[in-house]
């Protein structure tokens, strides 16, 4: 039998595969997204903390110098010295001058970050400095001097000479009447800031910039060209807000492309000045940090997916294979194969179905056999009926040594009319029992209907044996004297036909026996006659 084309066998594996693998893929994707997002947040925290830490360090650095200037500007010796000048240089060698120089030298010797200290008069001319070569130099055009003269408290200027950056911080010396009578300056080295920046490690490729409000790079721990960032709209907006003192936050995250690399950055505003710390790290490094874990997730998801898929397909196979076999068996039963005992190795619901099919097919087989038997058996006598004997003759008929006897009870209609059908049926049963008593593997008895019987002899050695058998049957039927306790006298007319090697058709054989039987009827009934060719013409 051709195996059924199970649609479920195609659809179910696909459905189960999707059902088993899709959640794993979805979960893996979610975990990878969470891992990537977590890595991003982790690096945001790292660069934010670094920016804040560096901003605090530089703020402390700047405020230390500023506070020292504030303290110095309030010293009476500075004010007295500035008042003593009166627009002349006559006090340059006075005791006040020497005291100021000692103070300045002490400050420089105790703080290696200070390169020089200046005291200027109200016109910006240096009137006190440890380096006497600087005396008399005017700073009136410097930004630091102008800011100090206008009483700006947080003033500084970047000095960039000979590839060396210094910070010039100024603070006004204010008289008791509130007027500016001079300014104090400190020239600060940024080497310490460079050391701090260069010692800061941000991942493998991260970097730090210290910028002023004029886009000047004060310090950097990388050789990467910062120009793309400084030219970006993001940086322009940041510095614009700084200049307006309108930053909403002291720190913020932003992204930009630097040397064709997408970069995550965080800035932090340095308290006390308009500088900012920018800490940046390429996205590639952030992604690399989560790459290893994501690869493990992908590998685990792949292995889990394959195992789930294999187990799912085995599960589906455990359903579709028994189902396919079950359909084959049901088709076999539907096609009449009721004799097989179908087996199934297992103890699940399919085993119960197979058991039910076996029970059903066995019951159908029994019912079919009973139905087949009833269809070919005369219910009253138990003899084969017309259909059955015809099938037997078709199966066994050949050209020679076969014979047919046709029997018809004489006057049986009168028996039924006189004694009733129950009595007539009893007579028919008695006749059938007589026929059954002549058992032989070559003798087949049948009731054709009514009071007519047929005997087919599939093989005999001599014709006399057939005639002898017919005579015995005739005598025993004639000897029936009672039926269901009532007396009866009955006779039978028997016609015999032998097969002809030139004509061995079943119907012709029966017809010849019928002609012989009716010849007996015409001759007064109750007798046995063998067919001969002369009967054809009568």
Foldseek 3Di string as FASTA:
>chain_A
DDFDPDPCLVVVLVVLLCVQQVVLVVVLVVVLVVLLVVLVVVLVVVQQVVQVVLLAVVLCVLVVVLVVQVVVLPDVLLVVLLVVQVVHLVCCPPPSLVVVLVVFVVVCVVDVQFPWKFKFFLQQATNHIVPCVRHRDGPNPPQQSVCQQVQNSQDWDWDQDPNFIWIKHKHFNADPVGHGGIMMITTGGCVVSQVVQLVDDRFDPKKKFKAALVRDTPYINDPFDCVQVCPDPVVVVVSVCLVVVNDPDQKDWDWDAGPNFIKIWMWGARPSHSMIMIIIDTVVRSVVVSVVVSVVSVVVSVVSSVVSSVVSSVVSCVVVVLVSVVVVLVVCLVVPVLPDQDDDPDDDPSRVVSVVSNVVSPVVVVVVVVVVLVVQADPLQRAGEPVNVVVVCVVQFDFFAKKKKKKAKPPLVVVCVVPNVVQSSQLLNVLSVLQVVPDDPQWGKYAHDDRMIMIIGSHDDDVVVVVVVVVVSQVVSQPQQDGPRHGDGIGMFMFMEGGHNVDRDPVVRVVQRVLQRVVCVVVPHHDYGYGDPVSVVD
